[in-house]
Amino acid sequence: MRSSVQVSAAARLHFGLAGLSRREGPSFGGLGMMIDRPRAIIHIEPALRWPNSRGACDRCLAVCRRAHESWDRRREMPAVACRVIQRMPMHCGLGTGTQIALAAAAGMRALLDLPPAPTDRLAHVAGRGARSAVGAHGFAKGGLIWETGRMPGDQLGHLAQRVAVPAAWRVVLAIPQNEEGLSGPAETAAFAKLPSPAPGITHRLRELAEEAVIPAVRSRDFEGFSNAVFDYCRLSGSMFAPVQGGDYASSKIAARVEALRKAGVSGVGQSSWGPTVFALQPDRAAASALVATLQKAPEFADCEFIVAAAENNAAEVTVGAPAADYAAS
């Protein structure tokens, strides 16, 4: 048993699902990448009794409890205290819930001095990965993630390819301050209303991922990457038109995407359900110049801007110094 553990997890951009639920064959699948900002950082330490969250979100503490029971170390450690030291925005399309839950599960493994768990087992304890597995595989490996879906009986979608993204490339995030993407029961209800996608969409999305996006990253072809990501995001979004009203989750998001395209930005999209819109840029200077332009644009009047790079590393788990006794609770 360790004295304390801190876990730092990166945000996740989701370019879109590659399909929907199927009775036979793989369900969902998707494409996305990890970015180094914003981050979720949690701290976990032994405690005498539950709960002792000291400001931690309910999700973090709930996963710690589930992991504590699943790995049955109650004799060694009666309970834990957890804190969210740094929090990413919730319900904005950056995978915050998944990253906090996985960080809590991975942190508990380390706190209990257990070896790292396989990604699917970690996702099971964290209660994540029912649809997209991009965030789970990204937590474990970083980089650009292409997963081809979950077969019946599987916990997690199959990781087909993971590719390191060039360090110079940047992503400008435009995060509205008064909008939220779908989550929880509303998200579940939306998926229940979706019809099967039009024939050929899943095939075309796979082509874009495997024959355009991934090769462009490997060859450091920024323009090719940008154009392919835009096409992938828009086509994936078309599967959700029956509940979104179009390729994007709202008219405001569509207006932001259009404004960026008119400004000459090729790689633009909505991350997951939004409302975060991302714009790909070749380097830091171009990203800073774009932010300066967007700050004057009416479509982005209520947005916070973050410039991020790709995160090509797994989430960081740091073991703290030995403690004299359990934390007070």
C-alpha atoms as a PDB file:
ATOM      1  CA  MET A   1       0.000   0.000   0.000  1.00  0.00           C
ATOM      2  CA  ARG A   2       1.251   3.467  -0.952  1.00  0.00           C
ATOM      3  CA  SER A   3       0.937   6.677   1.044  1.00  0.00           C
ATOM      4  CA  SER A   4      -0.679   8.758  -1.709  1.00  0.00           C
ATOM      5  CA  VAL A   5      -1.076   8.898  -5.471  1.00  0.00           C
ATOM      6  CA  GLN A   6      -1.599  11.737  -7.920  1.00  0.00           C
ATOM      7  CA  VAL A   7      -2.910  11.163 -11.449  1.00  0.00           C
ATOM      8  CA  SER A   8      -2.787  13.700 -14.273  1.00  0.00           C
ATOM      9  CA  ALA A   9      -4.988  12.920 -17.296  1.00  0.00           C
ATOM     10  CA  ALA A  10      -5.204  14.786 -20.607  1.00  0.00           C
ATOM     11  CA  ALA A  11      -8.306  16.040 -22.381  1.00  0.00           C
ATOM     12  CA  ARG A  12      -9.729  14.129 -25.334  1.00  0.00           C
ATOM     13  CA  LEU A  13     -10.840  15.500 -28.693  1.00  0.00           C
ATOM     14  CA  HIS A  14     -13.430  13.261 -30.315  1.00  0.00           C
ATOM     15  CA  PHE A  15     -13.694  13.599 -34.087  1.00  0.00           C
ATOM     16  CA  GLY A  16     -16.785  11.396 -34.135  1.00  0.00           C
ATOM     17  CA  LEU A  17     -18.087   7.850 -33.993  1.00  0.00           C
ATOM     18  CA  ALA A  18     -17.577   5.518 -36.950  1.00  0.00           C
ATOM     19  CA  GLY A  19     -20.931   3.804 -36.548  1.00  0.00           C
ATOM     20  CA  LEU A  20     -23.810   3.114 -34.184  1.00  0.00           C
ATOM     21  CA  SER A  21     -24.993   0.099 -32.205  1.00  0.00           C
ATOM     22  CA  ARG A  22     -25.304  -3.171 -34.122  1.00  0.00           C
ATOM     23  CA  ARG A  23     -26.713  -6.573 -33.224  1.00  0.00           C
ATOM     24  CA  GLU A  24     -23.937  -8.292 -35.132  1.00  0.00           C
ATOM     25  CA  GLY A  25     -20.408  -7.127 -35.745  1.00  0.00           C
ATOM     26  CA  PRO A  26     -18.678  -4.205 -34.052  1.00  0.00           C
ATOM     27  CA  SER A  27     -20.697  -1.343 -32.574  1.00  0.00           C
ATOM     28  CA  PHE A  28     -19.644   2.310 -32.612  1.00  0.00           C
ATOM     29  CA  GLY A  29     -15.885   2.769 -33.114  1.00  0.00           C
ATOM     30  CA  GLY A  30     -14.374   6.212 -33.455  1.00  0.00           C
ATOM     31  CA  LEU A  31     -11.488   8.573 -34.068  1.00  0.00           C
ATOM     32  CA  GLY A  32      -9.928  11.187 -31.803  1.00  0.00           C
ATOM     33  CA  MET A  33      -6.753  12.450 -30.183  1.00  0.00           C
ATOM     34  CA  MET A  34      -5.449  13.412 -26.787  1.00  0.00           C
ATOM     35  CA  ILE A  35      -4.386  17.016 -26.105  1.00  0.00           C
ATOM     36  CA  ASP A  36      -2.180  18.345 -23.333  1.00  0.00           C
ATOM     37  CA  ARG A  37      -4.598  21.042 -22.144  1.00  0.00           C
ATOM     38  CA  PRO A  38      -6.840  21.212 -20.200  1.00  0.00           C
ATOM     39  CA  ARG A  39      -6.040  18.428 -17.718  1.00  0.00           C
ATOM     40  CA  ALA A  40      -7.724  16.646 -14.830  1.00  0.00           C
ATOM     41  CA  ILE A  41      -5.494  16.041 -11.801  1.00  0.00           C
ATOM     42  CA  ILE A  42      -6.678  14.017  -8.825  1.00  0.00           C
ATOM     43  CA  HIS A  43      -5.017  13.076  -5.540  1.00  0.00           C
ATOM     44  CA  ILE A  44      -5.908   9.931  -3.556  1.00  0.00           C
ATOM     45  CA  GLU A  45      -4.697   8.868  -0.120  1.00  0.00           C
ATOM     46  CA  PRO A  46      -5.722   6.345   2.561  1.00  0.00           C
ATOM     47  CA  ALA A  47      -8.414   7.361   5.065  1.00  0.00           C
ATOM     48  CA  LEU A  48     -10.056   5.799   8.109  1.00  0.00           C
ATOM     49  CA  ARG A  49     -13.607   5.894   6.734  1.00  0.00           C
ATOM     50  CA  TRP A  50     -15.754   6.999   3.784  1.00  0.00           C
ATOM     51  CA  PRO A  51     -16.434   9.599   2.577  1.00  0.00           C
ATOM     52  CA  ASN A  52     -13.651  12.114   2.799  1.00  0.00           C
ATOM     53  CA  SER A  53     -13.645  13.714  -0.610  1.00  0.00           C
ATOM     54  CA  ARG A  54     -12.610  17.239   0.381  1.00  0.00           C
ATOM     55  CA  GLY A  55     -14.160  18.772  -2.699  1.00  0.00           C
ATOM     56  CA  ALA A  56     -13.690  15.857  -5.095  1.00  0.00           C
ATOM     57  CA  CYS A  57     -16.468  15.309  -7.576  1.00  0.00           C
ATOM     58  CA  ASP A  58     -18.921  12.513  -6.857  1.00  0.00           C
ATOM     59  CA  ARG A  59     -17.726  10.582  -9.914  1.00  0.00           C
ATOM     60  CA  CYS A  60     -14.168  10.376  -8.606  1.00  0.00           C
ATOM     61  CA  LEU A  61     -15.192   9.145  -5.173  1.00  0.00           C
ATOM     62  CA  ALA A  62     -17.704   6.655  -6.600  1.00  0.00           C
ATOM     63  CA  VAL A  63     -15.019   5.065  -8.800  1.00  0.00           C
ATOM     64  CA  CYS A  64     -12.605   4.910  -5.865  1.00  0.00           C
ATOM     65  CA  ARG A  65     -15.241   3.032  -3.863  1.00  0.00           C
ATOM     66  CA  ARG A  66     -15.943   0.625  -6.720  1.00  0.00           C
ATOM     67  CA  ALA A  67     -12.239  -0.032  -7.267  1.00  0.00           C
ATOM     68  CA  HIS A  68     -11.726  -0.527  -3.519  1.00  0.00           C
ATOM     69  CA  GLU A  69     -14.419  -3.205  -3.519  1.00  0.00           C
ATOM     70  CA  SER A  70     -13.453  -4.797  -6.857  1.00  0.00           C
ATOM     71  CA  TRP A  71      -9.849  -5.293  -5.863  1.00  0.00           C
ATOM     72  CA  ASP A  72     -10.813  -6.269  -2.290  1.00  0.00           C
ATOM     73  CA  ARG A  73      -8.101  -4.587  -0.250  1.00  0.00           C
ATOM     74  CA  ARG A  74     -10.439  -3.498   2.542  1.00  0.00           C
ATOM     75  CA  ARG A  75      -8.359  -5.141   5.270  1.00  0.00           C
ATOM     76  CA  GLU A  76      -5.292  -3.221   4.185  1.00  0.00           C
ATOM     77  CA  MET A  77      -7.052   0.102   3.669  1.00  0.00           C
ATOM     78  CA  PRO A  78     -10.467   0.888   5.208  1.00  0.00           C
ATOM     79  CA  ALA A  79     -11.235   3.802   2.872  1.00  0.00           C
ATOM     80  CA  VAL A  80      -9.673   6.589   0.823  1.00  0.00           C
ATOM     81  CA  ALA A  81      -9.874  10.356   0.556  1.00  0.00           C
ATOM     82  CA  CYS A  82      -9.724  11.964  -2.875  1.00  0.00           C
ATOM     83  CA  ARG A  83      -9.422  15.490  -4.161  1.00  0.00           C
ATOM     84  CA  VAL A  84      -9.751  16.926  -7.640  1.00  0.00           C
ATOM     85  CA  ILE A  85      -6.809  19.307  -7.737  1.00  0.00           C
ATOM     86  CA  GLN A  86      -7.408  20.476 -11.290  1.00  0.00           C
ATOM     87  CA  ARG A  87     -10.689  20.022 -13.107  1.00  0.00           C
ATOM     88  CA  MET A  88     -11.498  20.165 -16.806  1.00  0.00           C
ATOM     89  CA  PRO A  89     -14.793  21.762 -17.887  1.00  0.00           C
ATOM     90  CA  MET A  90     -17.672  19.294 -17.701  1.00  0.00           C
ATOM     91  CA  HIS A  91     -20.080  18.420 -20.541  1.00  0.00           C
ATOM     92  CA  CYS A  92     -18.151  20.346 -23.178  1.00  0.00           C
ATOM     93  CA  GLY A  93     -16.972  17.496 -25.420  1.00  0.00           C
ATOM     94  CA  LEU A  94     -13.498  16.990 -23.943  1.00  0.00           C
ATOM     95  CA  GLY A  95     -14.084  13.663 -22.186  1.00  0.00           C
ATOM     96  CA  THR A  96     -13.873  15.057 -18.664  1.00  0.00           C
ATOM     97  CA  GLY A  97     -16.015  12.392 -17.013  1.00  0.00           C
ATOM     98  CA  THR A  98     -14.098   9.548 -18.630  1.00  0.00           C
ATOM     99  CA  GLN A  99     -10.690  10.964 -17.754  1.00  0.00           C
ATOM    100  CA  ILE A 100     -11.596  11.613 -14.100  1.00  0.00           C
ATOM    101  CA  ALA A 101     -13.111   8.138 -13.740  1.00  0.00           C
ATOM    102  CA  LEU A 102     -10.114   6.413 -15.339  1.00  0.00           C
ATOM    103  CA  ALA A 103      -7.733   8.533 -13.264  1.00  0.00           C
ATOM    104  CA  ALA A 104      -9.516   7.404 -10.102  1.00  0.00           C
ATOM    105  CA  ALA A 105      -9.353   3.729 -11.126  1.00  0.00           C
ATOM    106  CA  ALA A 106      -5.676   3.926 -12.142  1.00  0.00           C
ATOM    107  CA  GLY A 107      -4.884   5.867  -8.982  1.00  0.00           C
ATOM    108  CA  MET A 108      -6.469   3.184  -6.828  1.00  0.00           C
ATOM    109  CA  ARG A 109      -4.380   0.482  -8.534  1.00  0.00           C
ATOM    110  CA  ALA A 110      -1.230   2.426  -7.710  1.00  0.00           C
ATOM    111  CA  LEU A 111      -2.345   3.275  -4.174  1.00  0.00           C
ATOM    112  CA  LEU A 112      -2.981  -0.413  -3.490  1.00  0.00           C
ATOM    113  CA  ASP A 113       0.453  -1.237  -4.959  1.00  0.00           C
ATOM    114  CA  LEU A 114      -1.133  -3.369  -7.668  1.00  0.00           C
ATOM    115  CA  PRO A 115       0.303  -3.646 -11.201  1.00  0.00           C
ATOM    116  CA  PRO A 116      -1.350  -1.484 -13.889  1.00  0.00           C
ATOM    117  CA  ALA A 117      -4.564  -3.051 -15.170  1.00  0.00           C
ATOM    118  CA  PRO A 118      -5.338  -3.692 -18.858  1.00  0.00           C
ATOM    119  CA  THR A 119      -7.301  -0.832 -20.409  1.00  0.00           C
ATOM    120  CA  ASP A 120     -10.544  -2.788 -20.693  1.00  0.00           C
ATOM    121  CA  ARG A 121     -10.413  -3.817 -17.044  1.00  0.00           C
ATOM    122  CA  LEU A 122      -9.686  -0.258 -15.969  1.00  0.00           C
ATOM    123  CA  ALA A 123     -12.605   0.988 -18.073  1.00  0.00           C
ATOM    124  CA  HIS A 124     -14.904  -1.629 -16.529  1.00  0.00           C
ATOM    125  CA  VAL A 125     -14.159  -0.483 -12.985  1.00  0.00           C
ATOM    126  CA  ALA A 126     -14.385   3.156 -14.076  1.00  0.00           C
ATOM    127  CA  GLY A 127     -17.763   2.485 -15.707  1.00  0.00           C
ATOM    128  CA  ARG A 128     -16.666   3.927 -19.062  1.00  0.00           C
ATOM    129  CA  GLY A 129     -16.371   2.802 -22.680  1.00  0.00           C
ATOM    130  CA  ALA A 130     -19.934   1.672 -23.367  1.00  0.00           C
ATOM    131  CA  ARG A 131     -19.832   3.538 -26.697  1.00  0.00           C
ATOM    132  CA  SER A 132     -16.606   5.357 -27.503  1.00  0.00           C
ATOM    133  CA  ALA A 133     -13.277   3.843 -26.488  1.00  0.00           C
ATOM    134  CA  VAL A 134     -11.155   6.770 -27.726  1.00  0.00           C
ATOM    135  CA  GLY A 135     -10.844   8.297 -24.249  1.00  0.00           C
ATOM    136  CA  ALA A 136      -9.954   5.002 -22.561  1.00  0.00           C
ATOM    137  CA  HIS A 137      -7.281   4.041 -25.084  1.00  0.00           C
ATOM    138  CA  GLY A 138      -6.037   7.631 -25.102  1.00  0.00           C
ATOM    139  CA  PHE A 139      -5.729   7.604 -21.322  1.00  0.00           C
ATOM    140  CA  ALA A 140      -3.552   4.494 -21.562  1.00  0.00           C
ATOM    141  CA  LYS A 141      -1.448   5.468 -24.598  1.00  0.00           C
ATOM    142  CA  GLY A 142      -1.895   9.095 -25.660  1.00  0.00           C
ATOM    143  CA  GLY A 143      -1.707  10.212 -29.297  1.00  0.00           C
ATOM    144  CA  LEU A 144      -4.197   9.834 -32.132  1.00  0.00           C
ATOM    145  CA  ILE A 145      -6.595   6.945 -31.482  1.00  0.00           C
ATOM    146  CA  TRP A 146      -8.535   4.941 -34.074  1.00  0.00           C
ATOM    147  CA  GLU A 147     -10.757   2.256 -32.578  1.00  0.00           C
ATOM    148  CA  THR A 148     -12.954   0.072 -34.718  1.00  0.00           C
ATOM    149  CA  GLY A 149     -15.733  -0.742 -32.289  1.00  0.00           C
ATOM    150  CA  ARG A 150     -16.850  -3.162 -29.625  1.00  0.00           C
ATOM    151  CA  MET A 151     -17.898  -6.703 -30.441  1.00  0.00           C
ATOM    152  CA  PRO A 152     -20.802  -8.268 -28.501  1.00  0.00           C
ATOM    153  CA  GLY A 153     -19.533  -9.267 -25.068  1.00  0.00           C
ATOM    154  CA  ASP A 154     -16.510  -6.972 -25.169  1.00  0.00           C
ATOM    155  CA  GLN A 155     -15.960  -4.295 -22.555  1.00  0.00           C
ATOM    156  CA  LEU A 156     -14.176  -1.877 -24.861  1.00  0.00           C
ATOM    157  CA  GLY A 157     -13.850  -1.045 -28.545  1.00  0.00           C
ATOM    158  CA  HIS A 158     -10.844  -2.545 -30.355  1.00  0.00           C
ATOM    159  CA  LEU A 159      -7.803  -0.300 -30.635  1.00  0.00           C
ATOM    160  CA  ALA A 160      -6.835  -0.570 -34.311  1.00  0.00           C
ATOM    161  CA  GLN A 161      -4.158   2.118 -34.494  1.00  0.00           C
ATOM    162  CA  ARG A 162      -2.430   4.589 -32.208  1.00  0.00           C
ATOM    163  CA  VAL A 163      -0.196   7.212 -33.817  1.00  0.00           C
ATOM    164  CA  ALA A 164       2.010   9.915 -32.280  1.00  0.00           C
ATOM    165  CA  VAL A 165       1.027  13.395 -33.487  1.00  0.00           C
ATOM    166  CA  PRO A 166       3.751  15.896 -34.508  1.00  0.00           C
ATOM    167  CA  ALA A 167       4.747  18.019 -31.519  1.00  0.00           C
ATOM    168  CA  ALA A 168       4.622  21.324 -33.436  1.00  0.00           C
ATOM    169  CA  TRP A 169       0.941  21.014 -34.388  1.00  0.00           C
ATOM    170  CA  ARG A 170      -1.553  22.933 -32.279  1.00  0.00           C
ATOM    171  CA  VAL A 171      -5.280  22.861 -31.577  1.00  0.00           C
ATOM    172  CA  VAL A 172      -7.288  25.984 -30.764  1.00  0.00           C
ATOM    173  CA  LEU A 173     -10.275  25.150 -28.550  1.00  0.00           C
ATOM    174  CA  ALA A 174     -13.251  27.501 -28.459  1.00  0.00           C
ATOM    175  CA  ILE A 175     -15.295  26.560 -25.380  1.00  0.00           C
ATOM    176  CA  PRO A 176     -18.615  28.414 -24.892  1.00  0.00           C
ATOM    177  CA  GLN A 177     -19.210  29.416 -21.292  1.00  0.00           C
ATOM    178  CA  ASN A 178     -23.006  29.032 -21.258  1.00  0.00           C
ATOM    179  CA  GLU A 179     -23.602  25.929 -23.351  1.00  0.00           C
ATOM    180  CA  GLU A 180     -23.366  22.208 -22.614  1.00  0.00           C
ATOM    181  CA  GLY A 181     -23.264  19.072 -24.716  1.00  0.00           C
ATOM    182  CA  LEU A 182     -25.536  16.088 -24.140  1.00  0.00           C
ATOM    183  CA  SER A 183     -24.658  13.744 -21.282  1.00  0.00           C
ATOM    184  CA  GLY A 184     -26.231  11.172 -18.966  1.00  0.00           C
ATOM    185  CA  PRO A 185     -29.909  10.267 -19.554  1.00  0.00           C
ATOM    186  CA  ALA A 186     -30.309  12.901 -22.287  1.00  0.00           C
ATOM    187  CA  GLU A 187     -27.446  11.351 -24.249  1.00  0.00           C
ATOM    188  CA  THR A 188     -28.870   7.854 -23.787  1.00  0.00           C
ATOM    189  CA  ALA A 189     -32.272   9.042 -25.009  1.00  0.00           C
ATOM    190  CA  ALA A 190     -30.695  10.672 -28.054  1.00  0.00           C
ATOM    191  CA  PHE A 191     -28.937   7.451 -29.050  1.00  0.00           C
ATOM    192  CA  ALA A 192     -32.199   5.538 -28.655  1.00  0.00           C
ATOM    193  CA  LYS A 193     -33.848   7.804 -31.261  1.00  0.00           C
ATOM    194  CA  LEU A 194     -31.159   7.408 -33.904  1.00  0.00           C
ATOM    195  CA  PRO A 195     -31.944   5.305 -36.982  1.00  0.00           C
ATOM    196  CA  SER A 196     -29.312   3.140 -38.634  1.00  0.00           C
ATOM    197  CA  PRO A 197     -26.911   5.307 -40.642  1.00  0.00           C
ATOM    198  CA  ALA A 198     -27.275   5.524 -44.397  1.00  0.00           C
ATOM    199  CA  PRO A 199     -25.498   2.732 -46.302  1.00  0.00           C
ATOM    200  CA  GLY A 200     -21.885   3.507 -46.949  1.00  0.00           C
ATOM    201  CA  ILE A 201     -21.334   6.045 -44.167  1.00  0.00           C
ATOM    202  CA  THR A 202     -19.451   3.686 -41.855  1.00  0.00           C
ATOM    203  CA  HIS A 203     -17.389   2.424 -44.792  1.00  0.00           C
ATOM    204  CA  ARG A 204     -16.494   5.977 -45.826  1.00  0.00           C
ATOM    205  CA  LEU A 205     -15.596   6.958 -42.268  1.00  0.00           C
ATOM    206  CA  ARG A 206     -13.267   3.993 -42.067  1.00  0.00           C
ATOM    207  CA  GLU A 207     -11.682   5.016 -45.362  1.00  0.00           C
ATOM    208  CA  LEU A 208     -11.137   8.550 -44.126  1.00  0.00           C
ATOM    209  CA  ALA A 209      -9.554   7.344 -40.883  1.00  0.00           C
ATOM    210  CA  GLU A 210      -7.320   4.649 -42.351  1.00  0.00           C
ATOM    211  CA  GLU A 211      -6.498   6.079 -45.778  1.00  0.00           C
ATOM    212  CA  ALA A 212      -6.402   9.825 -45.094  1.00  0.00           C
ATOM    213  CA  VAL A 213      -6.173  10.912 -41.442  1.00  0.00           C
ATOM    214  CA  ILE A 214      -3.665   8.356 -40.143  1.00  0.00           C
ATOM    215  CA  PRO A 215      -1.352   8.420 -43.193  1.00  0.00           C
ATOM    216  CA  ALA A 216      -1.298  12.239 -43.011  1.00  0.00           C
ATOM    217  CA  VAL A 217      -0.200  12.127 -39.384  1.00  0.00           C
ATOM    218  CA  ARG A 218       2.494   9.573 -40.116  1.00  0.00           C
ATOM    219  CA  SER A 219       3.864  11.656 -43.003  1.00  0.00           C
ATOM    220  CA  ARG A 220       3.490  14.952 -41.104  1.00  0.00           C
ATOM    221  CA  ASP A 221       1.150  16.278 -43.796  1.00  0.00           C
ATOM    222  CA  PHE A 222      -0.683  18.961 -41.834  1.00  0.00           C
ATOM    223  CA  GLU A 223      -2.969  20.107 -44.664  1.00  0.00           C
ATOM    224  CA  GLY A 224      -3.912  16.557 -45.565  1.00  0.00           C
ATOM    225  CA  PHE A 225      -4.638  15.837 -41.902  1.00  0.00           C
ATOM    226  CA  SER A 226      -6.732  18.983 -41.519  1.00  0.00           C
ATOM    227  CA  ASN A 227      -8.866  18.368 -44.600  1.00  0.00           C
ATOM    228  CA  ALA A 228      -9.454  14.718 -43.716  1.00  0.00           C
ATOM    229  CA  VAL A 229     -10.410  15.513 -40.104  1.00  0.00           C
ATOM    230  CA  PHE A 230     -12.958  18.088 -41.299  1.00  0.00           C
ATOM    231  CA  ASP A 231     -14.498  15.577 -43.701  1.00  0.00           C
ATOM    232  CA  TYR A 232     -14.558  12.862 -41.038  1.00  0.00           C
ATOM    233  CA  CYS A 233     -16.159  15.113 -38.399  1.00  0.00           C
ATOM    234  CA  ARG A 234     -18.860  16.404 -40.722  1.00  0.00           C
ATOM    235  CA  LEU A 235     -19.731  12.948 -42.049  1.00  0.00           C
ATOM    236  CA  SER A 236     -19.809  11.424 -38.566  1.00  0.00           C
ATOM    237  CA  GLY A 237     -22.005  14.292 -37.414  1.00  0.00           C
ATOM    238  CA  SER A 238     -24.483  13.566 -40.207  1.00  0.00           C
ATOM    239  CA  MET A 239     -25.419  10.310 -38.437  1.00  0.00           C
ATOM    240  CA  PHE A 240     -26.739  12.444 -35.564  1.00  0.00           C
ATOM    241  CA  ALA A 241     -28.759  14.871 -37.702  1.00  0.00           C
ATOM    242  CA  PRO A 242     -32.081  13.330 -36.551  1.00  0.00           C
ATOM    243  CA  VAL A 243     -31.394  14.509 -32.977  1.00  0.00           C
ATOM    244  CA  GLN A 244     -29.059  17.450 -33.669  1.00  0.00           C
ATOM    245  CA  GLY A 245     -30.987  19.024 -36.524  1.00  0.00           C
ATOM    246  CA  GLY A 246     -27.916  18.938 -38.770  1.00  0.00           C
ATOM    247  CA  ASP A 247     -24.270  17.921 -38.911  1.00  0.00           C
ATOM    248  CA  TYR A 248     -23.547  19.885 -35.721  1.00  0.00           C
ATOM    249  CA  ALA A 249     -25.262  19.946 -32.333  1.00  0.00           C
ATOM    250  CA  SER A 250     -26.607  23.506 -32.607  1.00  0.00           C
ATOM    251  CA  SER A 251     -26.903  26.449 -34.952  1.00  0.00           C
ATOM    252  CA  LYS A 252     -24.309  28.295 -32.847  1.00  0.00           C
ATOM    253  CA  ILE A 253     -21.758  25.518 -33.314  1.00  0.00           C
ATOM    254  CA  ALA A 254     -22.506  25.394 -37.053  1.00  0.00           C
ATOM    255  CA  ALA A 255     -21.967  29.176 -37.248  1.00  0.00           C
ATOM    256  CA  ARG A 256     -18.597  28.878 -35.474  1.00  0.00           C
ATOM    257  CA  VAL A 257     -17.473  26.114 -37.812  1.00  0.00           C
ATOM    258  CA  GLU A 258     -18.529  28.193 -40.823  1.00  0.00           C
ATOM    259  CA  ALA A 259     -16.738  31.279 -39.493  1.00  0.00           C
ATOM    260  CA  LEU A 260     -13.521  29.303 -39.081  1.00  0.00           C
ATOM    261  CA  ARG A 261     -13.791  27.845 -42.569  1.00  0.00           C
ATOM    262  CA  LYS A 262     -14.326  31.315 -44.018  1.00  0.00           C
ATOM    263  CA  ALA A 263     -11.229  32.453 -42.117  1.00  0.00           C
ATOM    264  CA  GLY A 264      -9.233  29.853 -44.054  1.00  0.00           C
ATOM    265  CA  VAL A 265      -8.971  27.149 -41.394  1.00  0.00           C
ATOM    266  CA  SER A 266      -9.253  23.688 -42.982  1.00  0.00           C
ATOM    267  CA  GLY A 267      -9.304  21.412 -39.925  1.00  0.00           C
ATOM    268  CA  VAL A 268     -12.404  22.357 -37.961  1.00  0.00           C
ATOM    269  CA  GLY A 269     -14.918  20.298 -36.047  1.00  0.00           C
ATOM    270  CA  GLN A 270     -17.174  19.759 -33.072  1.00  0.00           C
ATOM    271  CA  SER A 271     -15.645  17.554 -30.378  1.00  0.00           C
ATOM    272  CA  SER A 272     -18.086  14.823 -29.376  1.00  0.00           C
ATOM    273  CA  TRP A 273     -21.509  16.424 -28.664  1.00  0.00           C
ATOM    274  CA  GLY A 274     -19.868  19.838 -28.320  1.00  0.00           C
ATOM    275  CA  PRO A 275     -20.199  22.640 -27.580  1.00  0.00           C
ATOM    276  CA  THR A 276     -16.384  22.820 -27.926  1.00  0.00           C
ATOM    277  CA  VAL A 277     -15.265  23.635 -31.456  1.00  0.00           C
ATOM    278  CA  PHE A 278     -11.649  22.935 -32.379  1.00  0.00           C
ATOM    279  CA  ALA A 279      -9.417  24.411 -35.076  1.00  0.00           C
ATOM    280  CA  LEU A 280      -6.196  22.695 -36.160  1.00  0.00           C
ATOM    281  CA  GLN A 281      -3.129  24.884 -36.685  1.00  0.00           C
ATOM    282  CA  PRO A 282       0.384  24.017 -37.935  1.00  0.00           C
ATOM    283  CA  ASP A 283       2.289  25.677 -35.069  1.00  0.00           C
ATOM    284  CA  ARG A 284       2.077  27.862 -31.970  1.00  0.00           C
ATOM    285  CA  ALA A 285       2.422  31.177 -33.842  1.00  0.00           C
ATOM    286  CA  ALA A 286      -0.464  30.375 -36.192  1.00  0.00           C
ATOM    287  CA  ALA A 287      -2.606  29.272 -33.254  1.00  0.00           C
ATOM    288  CA  SER A 288      -1.945  32.507 -31.335  1.00  0.00           C
ATOM    289  CA  ALA A 289      -2.779  34.591 -34.403  1.00  0.00           C
ATOM    290  CA  LEU A 290      -6.038  32.679 -34.877  1.00  0.00           C
ATOM    291  CA  VAL A 291      -7.067  33.274 -31.264  1.00  0.00           C
ATOM    292  CA  ALA A 292      -6.473  37.007 -31.708  1.00  0.00           C
ATOM    293  CA  THR A 293      -8.769  36.936 -34.748  1.00  0.00           C
ATOM    294  CA  LEU A 294     -11.494  34.895 -33.088  1.00  0.00           C
ATOM    295  CA  GLN A 295     -11.593  37.149 -30.038  1.00  0.00           C
ATOM    296  CA  LYS A 296     -13.021  39.834 -32.322  1.00  0.00           C
ATOM    297  CA  ALA A 297     -15.538  37.585 -34.080  1.00  0.00           C
ATOM    298  CA  PRO A 298     -19.179  37.836 -32.872  1.00  0.00           C
ATOM    299  CA  GLU A 299     -19.717  34.070 -33.224  1.00  0.00           C
ATOM    300  CA  PHE A 300     -17.114  33.507 -30.478  1.00  0.00           C
ATOM    301  CA  ALA A 301     -18.133  36.322 -28.116  1.00  0.00           C
ATOM    302  CA  ASP A 302     -18.875  34.017 -25.164  1.00  0.00           C
ATOM    303  CA  CYS A 303     -16.022  31.541 -25.733  1.00  0.00           C
ATOM    304  CA  GLU A 304     -12.909  30.767 -23.736  1.00  0.00           C
ATOM    305  CA  PHE A 305      -9.910  29.943 -25.908  1.00  0.00           C
ATOM    306  CA  ILE A 306      -7.239  27.359 -25.135  1.00  0.00           C
ATOM    307  CA  VAL A 307      -4.246  26.540 -27.314  1.00  0.00           C
ATOM    308  CA  ALA A 308      -3.193  22.905 -26.874  1.00  0.00           C
ATOM    309  CA  ALA A 309      -0.686  20.498 -28.345  1.00  0.00           C
ATOM    310  CA  ALA A 310      -1.145  16.780 -28.857  1.00  0.00           C
ATOM    311  CA  GLU A 311      -0.525  14.642 -25.781  1.00  0.00           C
ATOM    312  CA  ASN A 312       1.419  11.625 -26.980  1.00  0.00           C
ATOM    313  CA  ASN A 313       1.978  10.132 -23.533  1.00  0.00           C
ATOM    314  CA  ALA A 314      -0.233   8.084 -21.248  1.00  0.00           C
ATOM    315  CA  ALA A 315      -1.801   9.611 -18.153  1.00  0.00           C
ATOM    316  CA  GLU A 316       0.818  10.254 -15.495  1.00  0.00           C
ATOM    317  CA  VAL A 317       0.564   8.369 -12.193  1.00  0.00           C
ATOM    318  CA  THR A 318       2.845   9.724  -9.454  1.00  0.00           C
ATOM    319  CA  VAL A 319       3.327   7.995  -6.115  1.00  0.00           C
ATOM    320  CA  GLY A 320       3.752  10.385  -3.164  1.00  0.00           C
ATOM    321  CA  ALA A 321       6.098  10.280  -0.172  1.00  0.00           C
ATOM    322  CA  PRO A 322       5.323   7.828   2.678  1.00  0.00           C
ATOM    323  CA  ALA A 323       2.748   9.009   5.192  1.00  0.00           C
ATOM    324  CA  ALA A 324       2.845   8.333   8.917  1.00  0.00           C
ATOM    325  CA  ASP A 325      -0.769   7.251   9.229  1.00  0.00           C
ATOM    326  CA  TYR A 326      -4.138   7.236   7.523  1.00  0.00           C
ATOM    327  CA  ALA A 327      -5.494  10.659   6.574  1.00  0.00           C
ATOM    328  CA  ALA A 328      -7.944  12.088   9.097  1.00  0.00           C
ATOM    329  CA  SER A 329     -11.558  11.721   8.079  1.00  0.00           C
END
